[in-house]
Protein backbone atom coordinates (compact mmCIF):
# COMPACT_ATOMS: atom_id res chain seq x y z
CA UNK A 1 0.00 0.00 0.00
CA UNK A 2 2.77 2.39 0.90
CA UNK A 3 4.55 1.68 -2.39
CA UNK A 4 1.33 2.41 -4.31
CA UNK A 5 0.88 5.74 -2.52
CA UNK A 6 4.45 6.75 -3.31
CA UNK A 7 4.05 5.84 -6.98
CA UNK A 8 0.79 7.79 -7.19
CA UNK A 9 2.44 10.85 -5.67
CA UNK A 10 5.34 10.59 -8.07
CA UNK A 11 3.01 10.38 -11.05
CA UNK A 12 0.96 13.32 -9.77
CA UNK A 13 4.06 15.50 -9.59
CA UNK A 14 5.21 14.46 -13.08
CA UNK A 15 4.98 17.26 -15.59
CA UNK A 16 5.84 20.14 -13.23
CA UNK A 17 8.10 22.75 -14.83
CA UNK A 18 10.72 24.83 -13.06
CA UNK A 19 11.59 27.01 -16.06
CA UNK A 20 10.59 30.70 -15.95
CA UNK A 21 7.46 31.51 -18.00
CA UNK A 22 8.70 32.36 -21.48
CA UNK A 23 8.01 35.79 -22.92
CA UNK A 24 9.43 36.97 -26.20
CA UNK A 25 11.97 39.73 -25.48
CA UNK A 26 10.80 43.26 -26.27
CA UNK A 27 12.63 45.05 -29.08
CA UNK A 28 12.55 48.56 -30.56
CA UNK A 29 9.64 48.89 -32.98
CA UNK A 30 9.78 51.94 -35.27
CA UNK A 31 6.53 52.93 -36.93
CA UNK A 32 8.12 52.97 -40.37
CA UNK A 33 11.46 52.96 -42.17
CA UNK A 34 13.27 56.26 -41.89
CA UNK A 35 14.66 55.95 -45.44
CA UNK A 36 11.19 55.25 -46.82
CA UNK A 37 9.28 58.39 -45.83
CA UNK A 38 6.16 57.35 -47.72
CA UNK A 39 5.92 54.06 -45.84
CA UNK A 40 3.07 53.66 -43.39
CA UNK A 41 3.95 50.21 -42.16
CA UNK A 42 3.14 49.46 -38.53
CA UNK A 43 5.61 47.22 -36.73
CA UNK A 44 4.98 44.84 -33.85
CA UNK A 45 7.38 42.59 -31.91
CA UNK A 46 9.13 40.26 -34.32
CA UNK A 47 8.56 36.51 -34.13
CA UNK A 48 9.43 33.60 -36.40
CA UNK A 49 6.74 33.48 -39.10
CA UNK A 50 7.19 29.81 -39.88
CA UNK A 51 3.96 29.48 -41.83
CA UNK A 52 4.94 31.95 -44.54
CA UNK A 53 6.37 30.74 -47.82
CA UNK A 54 9.46 32.27 -49.37
CA UNK A 55 9.09 33.23 -53.02
CA UNK A 56 11.49 32.68 -55.88
CA UNK A 57 12.46 36.33 -55.75
CA UNK A 58 15.32 36.01 -58.24
CA UNK A 59 12.79 35.29 -60.99
CA UNK A 60 11.76 38.94 -60.83
CA UNK A 61 14.98 39.76 -62.70
CA UNK A 62 13.65 37.78 -65.70
CA UNK A 63 16.98 36.09 -66.41
CA UNK A 64 16.67 32.37 -67.29
CA UNK A 65 20.41 31.79 -66.86
CA UNK A 66 20.32 33.26 -63.36
CA UNK A 67 17.26 31.19 -62.41
CA UNK A 68 18.98 28.04 -63.62
CA UNK A 69 22.04 28.78 -61.50
CA UNK A 70 20.09 29.63 -58.35
CA UNK A 71 18.17 26.37 -58.61
CA UNK A 72 21.47 24.55 -58.11
CA UNK A 73 22.30 26.30 -54.83
CA UNK A 74 20.00 24.22 -52.61
CA UNK A 75 21.16 21.02 -54.30
CA UNK A 76 24.91 21.49 -54.55
CA UNK A 77 26.10 24.38 -52.37
CA UNK A 78 28.27 22.88 -49.64
CA UNK A 79 27.53 25.54 -47.00
CA UNK A 80 23.84 24.80 -47.47
CA UNK A 81 24.59 21.07 -47.32
CA UNK A 82 26.45 21.55 -44.03
CA UNK A 83 23.53 23.56 -42.60
CA UNK A 84 21.12 20.84 -43.77
CA UNK A 85 23.23 18.19 -42.02
CA UNK A 86 23.26 20.28 -38.84
CA UNK A 87 19.48 20.50 -39.03
CA UNK A 88 19.21 16.71 -39.49
CA UNK A 89 21.39 16.29 -36.40
CA UNK A 90 19.14 18.63 -34.39
CA UNK A 91 16.08 16.61 -35.43
CA UNK A 92 17.78 13.44 -34.17
CA UNK A 93 18.52 15.16 -30.85
CA UNK A 94 14.82 16.03 -30.51
CA UNK A 95 13.92 12.36 -30.96
CA UNK A 96 16.59 11.38 -28.47
CA UNK A 97 15.21 13.83 -25.89
CA UNK A 98 11.66 12.58 -26.41
CA UNK A 99 12.80 9.00 -25.84
CA UNK A 100 13.76 9.85 -22.23
CA UNK A 101 10.08 10.40 -21.40
CA UNK A 102 9.31 6.69 -21.90
CA UNK A 103 10.37 3.54 -20.01
CA UNK A 104 13.26 1.53 -21.33
CA UNK A 105 13.00 -2.25 -21.72
CA UNK A 106 15.79 -4.78 -21.90
CA UNK A 107 15.86 -8.53 -22.40
CA UNK A 108 18.66 -10.65 -20.95
CA UNK A 109 19.26 -14.34 -21.58
CA UNK A 110 22.03 -16.61 -20.37
CA UNK A 111 23.11 -20.24 -20.34
CA UNK A 112 25.95 -21.92 -18.47
CA UNK A 113 26.99 -25.57 -19.03
CA UNK A 114 29.48 -27.11 -16.64
CA UNK A 115 31.70 -30.17 -17.21
CA UNK A 116 35.04 -31.74 -16.24
CA UNK A 117 36.87 -31.61 -12.95
CA UNK A 118 35.23 -29.97 -9.96
CA UNK A 119 32.73 -28.14 -12.25
CA UNK A 120 31.16 -31.46 -13.25
CA UNK A 121 29.26 -31.53 -9.94
CA UNK A 122 27.80 -28.07 -10.46
CA UNK A 123 24.40 -27.97 -12.18
CA UNK A 124 23.89 -26.22 -15.48
CA UNK A 125 21.99 -22.93 -15.37
CA UNK A 126 19.64 -21.15 -17.76
CA UNK A 127 18.11 -17.70 -17.31
CA UNK A 128 15.72 -15.39 -19.15
CA UNK A 129 14.76 -11.97 -17.77
CA UNK A 130 12.78 -8.93 -18.95
CA UNK A 131 13.61 -5.67 -17.21
CA UNK A 132 12.09 -2.19 -17.30
CA UNK A 133 13.26 1.16 -15.97
CA UNK A 134 11.61 4.56 -15.97
CA UNK A 135 12.47 7.94 -14.54
CA UNK A 136 9.24 9.88 -13.88
CA UNK A 137 9.53 13.48 -15.04
CA UNK A 138 8.56 14.81 -11.61
CA UNK A 139 10.03 18.29 -11.96
CA UNK A 140 9.62 18.63 -15.72
CA UNK A 141 13.37 18.32 -16.35
CA UNK A 142 12.97 15.80 -19.18
CA UNK A 143 10.18 17.75 -20.87
CA UNK A 144 12.26 20.89 -20.65
CA UNK A 145 15.03 18.96 -22.35
CA UNK A 146 12.61 18.19 -25.19
CA UNK A 147 11.56 21.86 -25.33
CA UNK A 148 15.19 22.96 -25.48
CA UNK A 149 15.98 20.42 -28.19
CA UNK A 150 12.94 21.48 -30.22
CA UNK A 151 13.90 25.15 -29.99
CA UNK A 152 17.45 24.32 -31.01
CA UNK A 153 16.12 22.33 -33.97
CA UNK A 154 13.97 25.26 -35.03
CA UNK A 155 16.99 27.55 -34.71
CA UNK A 156 18.95 25.09 -36.84
CA UNK A 157 16.20 25.14 -39.47
CA UNK A 158 16.36 28.95 -39.45
CA UNK A 159 20.14 28.74 -39.84
CA UNK A 160 19.56 26.53 -42.87
CA UNK A 161 17.20 29.17 -44.27
CA UNK A 162 19.78 31.87 -43.62
CA UNK A 163 22.55 29.86 -45.28
CA UNK A 164 20.33 29.21 -48.29
CA UNK A 165 19.29 32.85 -48.61
CA UNK A 166 22.88 34.03 -48.18
CA UNK A 167 24.14 31.68 -50.89
CA UNK A 168 21.32 32.69 -53.23
CA UNK A 169 21.97 36.39 -52.67
CA UNK A 170 25.73 35.92 -53.13
CA UNK A 171 25.14 34.04 -56.37
CA UNK A 172 22.81 36.73 -57.74
CA UNK A 173 25.23 39.49 -56.75
CA UNK A 174 28.20 37.73 -58.35
CA UNK A 175 26.17 36.92 -61.45
CA UNK A 176 25.20 40.53 -62.10
CA UNK A 177 28.73 41.67 -61.28
CA UNK A 178 29.94 39.21 -63.93
CA UNK A 179 27.42 40.56 -66.44
CA UNK A 180 28.59 44.06 -65.63
CA UNK A 181 32.16 42.90 -66.22
CA UNK A 182 31.02 41.56 -69.61
CA UNK A 183 29.63 45.00 -70.36
CA UNK A 184 32.84 46.73 -69.33
CA UNK A 185 34.86 44.27 -71.42
CA UNK A 186 32.68 45.24 -74.37
CA UNK A 187 33.21 48.95 -73.62
CA UNK A 188 36.98 48.50 -73.29
CA UNK A 189 37.15 46.38 -76.44
CA UNK A 190 35.30 49.07 -78.36
CA UNK A 191 37.61 51.69 -76.87
CA UNK A 192 40.70 49.69 -77.88
CA UNK A 193 39.38 49.53 -81.45
CA UNK A 194 38.70 53.27 -81.47
CA UNK A 195 42.06 54.11 -79.92
CA UNK A 196 43.83 51.83 -82.42
CA UNK A 197 42.18 53.79 -85.19
CA UNK A 198 43.22 57.08 -83.57
CA UNK A 199 46.76 55.78 -83.22
CA UNK A 200 46.92 54.88 -86.92
CA UNK A 201 45.56 58.29 -87.91
CA UNK A 202 48.05 60.05 -85.67
CA UNK A 203 50.91 57.91 -87.00
CA UNK A 204 49.92 58.73 -90.58
CA UNK A 205 49.75 62.43 -89.78
CA UNK A 206 53.15 62.26 -88.13
CA UNK A 207 54.58 60.44 -91.15
CA UNK A 208 53.17 63.24 -93.29
CA UNK A 209 54.80 65.85 -91.05
CA UNK A 210 51.49 67.31 -89.89
CA UNK A 211 51.72 66.54 -86.15
CA UNK A 212 54.47 66.21 -83.62
CA UNK A 213 55.94 62.95 -82.32
CA UNK A 214 54.33 63.61 -78.93
CA UNK A 215 50.87 63.10 -80.45
CA UNK A 216 51.88 59.60 -81.57
CA UNK A 217 53.29 58.78 -78.13
CA UNK A 218 50.12 60.02 -76.43
CA UNK A 219 47.94 57.90 -78.71
CA UNK A 220 50.13 54.85 -78.07
CA UNK A 221 50.09 55.42 -74.30
CA UNK A 222 46.33 55.66 -74.26
CA UNK A 223 45.98 52.52 -76.40
CA UNK A 224 48.38 50.47 -74.27
CA UNK A 225 46.74 51.62 -71.01
CA UNK A 226 43.29 50.68 -72.24
CA UNK A 227 44.51 47.28 -73.42
CA UNK A 228 45.99 46.66 -69.95
CA UNK A 229 42.68 47.66 -68.35
CA UNK A 230 40.90 45.24 -70.67
CA UNK A 231 43.18 42.39 -69.57
CA UNK A 232 42.54 43.28 -65.91
CA UNK A 233 38.79 43.27 -66.44
CA UNK A 234 38.99 39.84 -68.08
CA UNK A 235 40.79 38.65 -64.94
CA UNK A 236 38.07 40.16 -62.72
CA UNK A 237 35.41 38.34 -64.72
CA UNK A 238 37.30 35.06 -64.35
CA UNK A 239 37.31 35.43 -60.55
CA UNK A 240 33.57 36.08 -60.52
CA UNK A 241 33.04 32.99 -62.67
CA UNK A 242 35.09 30.96 -60.17
CA UNK A 243 33.00 32.29 -57.27
CA UNK A 244 29.77 31.31 -59.02
CA UNK A 245 31.13 27.82 -59.66
CA UNK A 246 31.85 27.30 -55.95
CA UNK A 247 28.41 28.64 -54.96
CA UNK A 248 26.72 25.98 -57.10
CA UNK A 249 29.05 23.25 -55.82
CA UNK A 250 31.32 22.86 -58.82
CA UNK A 251 35.06 23.09 -59.29
CA UNK A 252 35.98 26.29 -61.17
CA UNK A 253 37.76 24.20 -63.78
CA UNK A 254 34.53 22.38 -64.61
CA UNK A 255 32.35 25.47 -64.98
CA UNK A 256 32.13 28.04 -67.74
CA UNK A 257 29.60 30.83 -68.06
CA UNK A 258 29.64 32.30 -71.58
CA UNK A 259 29.33 36.03 -72.06
CA UNK A 260 25.72 37.01 -72.46
CA UNK A 261 23.30 39.86 -72.61
CA UNK A 262 23.12 41.97 -69.48
CA UNK A 263 19.64 43.09 -68.56
CA UNK A 264 20.35 45.80 -66.00
CA UNK A 265 16.74 46.14 -64.90
CA UNK A 266 15.97 46.55 -61.21
CA UNK A 267 12.62 45.02 -60.17
CA UNK A 268 10.23 47.30 -58.31
CA UNK A 269 10.20 46.83 -54.54
CA UNK A 270 7.17 48.11 -52.60
CA UNK A 271 7.98 51.20 -50.55
CA UNK A 272 5.24 50.29 -48.08
CA UNK A 273 6.84 47.37 -46.27
CA UNK A 274 4.39 45.20 -44.28
CA UNK A 275 5.39 44.57 -40.71
CA UNK A 276 5.48 40.83 -41.15
CA UNK A 277 8.36 41.01 -43.63
CA UNK A 278 11.00 41.50 -40.97
CA UNK A 279 9.49 38.59 -39.04
CA UNK A 280 10.57 36.33 -41.84
CA UNK A 281 14.28 36.98 -41.46
CA UNK A 282 15.76 33.57 -40.59
CA UNK A 283 18.48 35.04 -38.40
CA UNK A 284 15.82 36.68 -36.19
CA UNK A 285 13.93 33.39 -36.01
CA UNK A 286 17.12 31.56 -35.00
CA UNK A 287 18.00 34.14 -32.36
CA UNK A 288 14.52 33.98 -30.83
CA UNK A 289 14.54 30.17 -30.74
CA UNK A 290 17.90 30.29 -28.97
CA UNK A 291 16.25 32.36 -26.22
CA UNK A 292 13.60 29.64 -25.84
CA UNK A 293 16.27 26.96 -25.55
CA UNK A 294 18.23 28.98 -22.98
CA UNK A 295 15.07 29.62 -20.95
CA UNK A 296 14.38 25.88 -20.78
CA UNK A 297 17.91 25.21 -19.56
CA UNK A 298 17.23 27.29 -16.44
CA UNK A 299 14.45 24.88 -15.41
CA UNK A 300 16.67 21.90 -16.18
CA UNK A 301 19.35 23.21 -13.83
CA UNK A 302 16.82 24.13 -11.13
CA UNK A 303 15.52 20.55 -11.11
CA UNK A 304 18.81 19.46 -9.53
CA UNK A 305 17.64 21.05 -6.24
CA UNK A 306 14.98 18.34 -5.92
CA UNK A 307 15.23 14.59 -5.56
CA UNK A 308 15.22 12.32 -8.57
CA UNK A 309 13.07 9.21 -8.71
CA UNK A 310 13.48 5.93 -10.52
CA UNK A 311 11.13 3.03 -11.02
CA UNK A 312 12.29 -0.44 -12.03
CA UNK A 313 10.68 -3.80 -12.61
CA UNK A 314 11.87 -7.19 -13.75
CA UNK A 315 10.33 -10.53 -14.60
CA UNK A 316 12.56 -13.54 -15.17
CA UNK A 317 12.98 -17.28 -15.25
CA UNK A 318 15.79 -19.39 -13.88
CA UNK A 319 16.35 -23.15 -14.07
CA UNK A 320 19.00 -25.84 -14.30
CA UNK A 321 17.48 -27.36 -17.45
CA UNK A 322 16.15 -25.73 -20.54
CA UNK A 323 12.65 -27.35 -20.38
CA UNK A 324 12.27 -26.25 -16.76
CA UNK A 325 13.11 -22.67 -17.71
CA UNK A 326 9.54 -22.10 -18.90
CA UNK A 327 7.81 -23.68 -15.91
CA UNK A 328 5.70 -21.41 -13.70
CA UNK A 329 7.63 -22.45 -10.61
CA UNK A 330 10.82 -20.80 -11.94
CA UNK A 331 9.30 -17.29 -12.22
CA UNK A 332 11.16 -14.52 -10.42
CA UNK A 333 9.92 -10.90 -10.30
CA UNK A 334 10.84 -7.64 -8.60
CA UNK A 335 9.63 -4.03 -8.30
CA UNK A 336 11.81 -1.16 -7.16
CA UNK A 337 11.65 2.56 -6.33
CA UNK A 338 14.77 4.66 -5.90
CA UNK A 339 15.14 8.23 -4.65
CA UNK A 340 18.33 10.29 -4.84
CA UNK A 341 18.89 13.74 -3.34
CA UNK A 342 22.01 15.89 -3.27
CA UNK A 343 22.74 16.93 0.33
CA UNK A 344 25.80 19.14 -0.15
CA UNK A 345 27.55 20.32 -3.32
CA UNK A 346 29.27 23.53 -2.18
CA UNK A 347 26.97 25.68 -4.30
CA UNK A 348 27.52 23.82 -7.58
CA UNK A 349 23.81 23.66 -8.43
CA UNK A 350 23.31 27.35 -7.67
CA UNK A 351 26.27 28.19 -9.89
CA UNK A 352 24.81 26.15 -12.73
CA UNK A 353 21.46 27.94 -12.37
CA UNK A 354 23.19 31.33 -12.42
CA UNK A 355 25.19 30.28 -15.47
CA UNK A 356 21.99 29.22 -17.26
CA UNK A 357 20.38 32.56 -16.40
CA UNK A 358 23.41 34.38 -17.78
CA UNK A 359 23.22 32.33 -20.99
CA UNK A 360 19.57 33.37 -21.35
CA UNK A 361 20.46 37.05 -20.87
CA UNK A 362 23.16 36.65 -23.50
CA UNK A 363 20.65 35.04 -25.88
CA UNK A 364 18.20 37.92 -25.26
CA UNK A 365 20.90 40.49 -26.00
CA UNK A 366 21.87 38.62 -29.17
CA UNK A 367 18.22 38.51 -30.25
CA UNK A 368 17.76 42.25 -29.72
CA UNK A 369 21.00 43.00 -31.52
CA UNK A 370 19.92 40.81 -34.43
CA UNK A 371 16.67 42.77 -34.70
CA UNK A 372 18.51 46.10 -34.58
CA UNK A 373 20.97 44.93 -37.21
CA UNK A 374 18.06 43.83 -39.38
CA UNK A 375 16.50 47.29 -39.18
CA UNK A 376 19.86 48.87 -40.00
CA UNK A 377 20.34 46.58 -42.98
CA UNK A 378 16.94 47.48 -44.43
CA UNK A 379 17.53 51.20 -43.86
CA UNK A 380 20.99 51.01 -45.45
CA UNK A 381 19.74 49.24 -48.56
CA UNK A 382 16.77 51.60 -48.92
CA UNK A 383 19.13 54.57 -48.67
CA UNK A 384 21.50 53.05 -51.21
CA UNK A 385 18.70 52.31 -53.65
CA UNK A 386 17.33 55.84 -53.44
CA UNK A 387 20.77 57.40 -53.84
CA UNK A 388 21.70 55.25 -56.83
CA UNK A 389 18.33 55.83 -58.50
CA UNK A 390 18.81 59.58 -58.16
CA UNK A 391 22.32 59.32 -59.61
CA UNK A 392 21.44 57.25 -62.67
CA UNK A 393 19.78 60.05 -64.61
CA UNK A 394 22.75 62.36 -64.09
CA UNK A 395 25.25 59.61 -64.92
CA UNK A 396 23.42 58.72 -68.11
CA UNK A 397 23.26 62.37 -69.21
CA UNK A 398 26.95 62.83 -68.39
CA UNK A 399 27.88 59.76 -70.45
CA UNK A 400 25.89 60.92 -73.46
CA UNK A 401 27.43 64.39 -73.25
CA UNK A 402 30.93 62.94 -72.95
CA UNK A 403 30.31 60.80 -76.06
CA UNK A 404 29.35 63.90 -78.04
CA UNK A 405 32.40 65.81 -76.80
CA UNK A 406 34.64 62.89 -77.78
CA UNK A 407 33.31 62.90 -81.34
CA UNK A 408 33.51 66.68 -81.67
CA UNK A 409 37.07 66.89 -80.41
CA UNK A 410 38.22 64.16 -82.82
CA UNK A 411 36.67 66.05 -85.73
CA UNK A 412 38.32 69.28 -84.56
CA UNK A 413 41.67 67.55 -84.23
CA UNK A 414 41.45 66.12 -87.73
CA UNK A 415 40.82 69.66 -88.95
CA UNK A 416 43.88 70.89 -87.08
CA UNK A 417 41.88 73.12 -84.74
CA UNK A 418 42.95 71.60 -81.36
CA UNK A 419 45.95 69.68 -79.99
CA UNK A 420 45.82 65.94 -79.50
CA UNK A 421 45.93 66.29 -75.70
CA UNK A 422 42.37 67.62 -75.88
CA UNK A 423 41.32 64.51 -77.80
CA UNK A 424 42.93 62.22 -75.23
CA UNK A 425 41.22 64.04 -72.38
CA UNK A 426 37.83 63.79 -74.09
CA UNK A 427 38.29 60.09 -74.86
CA UNK A 428 39.32 59.23 -71.29
CA UNK A 429 36.41 61.24 -69.89
CA UNK A 430 33.94 59.51 -72.20
CA UNK A 431 35.21 56.01 -71.36
CA UNK A 432 35.20 56.76 -67.63
CA UNK A 433 31.62 58.05 -67.89
CA UNK A 434 30.48 54.88 -69.68
CA UNK A 435 32.16 52.68 -67.08
CA UNK A 436 30.72 54.72 -64.19
CA UNK A 437 27.21 54.35 -65.63
CA UNK A 438 27.72 50.60 -66.06
CA UNK A 439 28.99 50.22 -62.49
CA UNK A 440 26.11 52.30 -61.12
CA UNK A 441 23.52 50.08 -62.80
CA UNK A 442 25.25 47.01 -61.36
CA UNK A 443 25.29 48.65 -57.93
CA UNK A 444 21.53 49.22 -58.16
CA UNK A 445 20.97 45.54 -58.81
CA UNK A 446 23.26 44.60 -55.93
CA UNK A 447 21.38 46.99 -53.61
CA UNK A 448 18.05 45.49 -54.69
CA UNK A 449 19.39 42.00 -53.89
CA UNK A 450 20.68 43.31 -50.56
CA UNK A 451 17.27 44.74 -49.69
CA UNK A 452 15.55 41.47 -50.58
CA UNK A 453 18.00 39.61 -48.35
CA UNK A 454 17.50 42.16 -45.55
CA UNK A 455 13.76 41.54 -45.72
CA UNK A 456 14.24 37.78 -45.42
CA UNK A 457 13.70 36.70 -49.01
CA UNK A 458 10.64 36.74 -51.22
CA UNK A 459 7.18 37.79 -50.19
CA UNK A 460 3.65 38.35 -51.38
CA UNK A 461 1.91 41.74 -51.18
CA UNK A 462 -0.77 43.47 -53.25
CA UNK A 463 0.48 45.61 -56.08
CA UNK A 464 0.13 49.22 -54.83
CA UNK A 465 -1.29 51.60 -57.41
CA UNK A 466 -0.24 49.35 -60.23
CA UNK A 467 3.42 49.38 -59.19
CA UNK A 468 4.95 45.92 -59.71
CA UNK A 469 5.70 44.12 -56.48
CA UNK A 470 7.41 40.86 -55.79
CA UNK A 471 4.98 37.97 -56.11
CA UNK A 472 5.01 34.79 -54.18
CA UNK A 473 6.53 31.70 -55.77
CA UNK A 474 7.25 28.29 -54.39
CA UNK A 475 10.74 27.27 -53.58
CA UNK A 476 11.15 23.50 -53.14
CA UNK A 477 11.81 22.48 -49.53
CA UNK A 478 12.50 25.97 -48.27
CA UNK A 479 13.00 25.86 -44.50
CA UNK A 480 9.63 27.54 -43.88
CA UNK A 481 8.23 24.02 -44.16
CA UNK A 482 11.15 22.48 -42.28
CA UNK A 483 10.56 24.63 -39.19
CA UNK A 484 7.17 23.01 -38.69
CA UNK A 485 8.59 19.50 -38.68
CA UNK A 486 11.16 20.42 -36.01
CA UNK A 487 8.49 20.67 -33.31
Foldseek 3Di string as FASTA:
>chain_A
DVVVVVVVVQQVLFPAFPFDDDDFDDFDWDQAFPLLVVARAGADDFAAPLQAFFFPQVCLLVDVVLVVLLLLLCVAQVLLVVLVVVLVVLLVQLVVLVVLQDKDKDKDWDWACFDDDPRNPPFIKIKIKMKIKHWGNNNCLSVLSSQLSLLQSLLSLLVSLLSSLVLSLLLLLLVLVLLLLLVLLVLLVVLLVVLVVVLVVVVVCVVVVNDDPVLNVLSVVLNVVSVVVSVVSVVVSLVSLQVSQNSSNHHSVVDDDDHDHRDLDFADADSHDYNNLQSQNSNLNSLSSNLSSLSSQLRNLVCLQAKIKMKMKMWMFMDSDDVRRPDPVRIDMDIDMDIDHDDDDPCPSVVSSVVSVVSSVVSSVVSNVVSVVLSVLLNVLSNLLVVLVVCLVVLVVQLVVLVVLLVVVVVCVVVVNDDSVSNSVSSVSNSVSVSVNSVSSSSNNSSSSSNCSSSNHHDDDDQPPVRDHGHRHHDPPNSSVVSVVSD
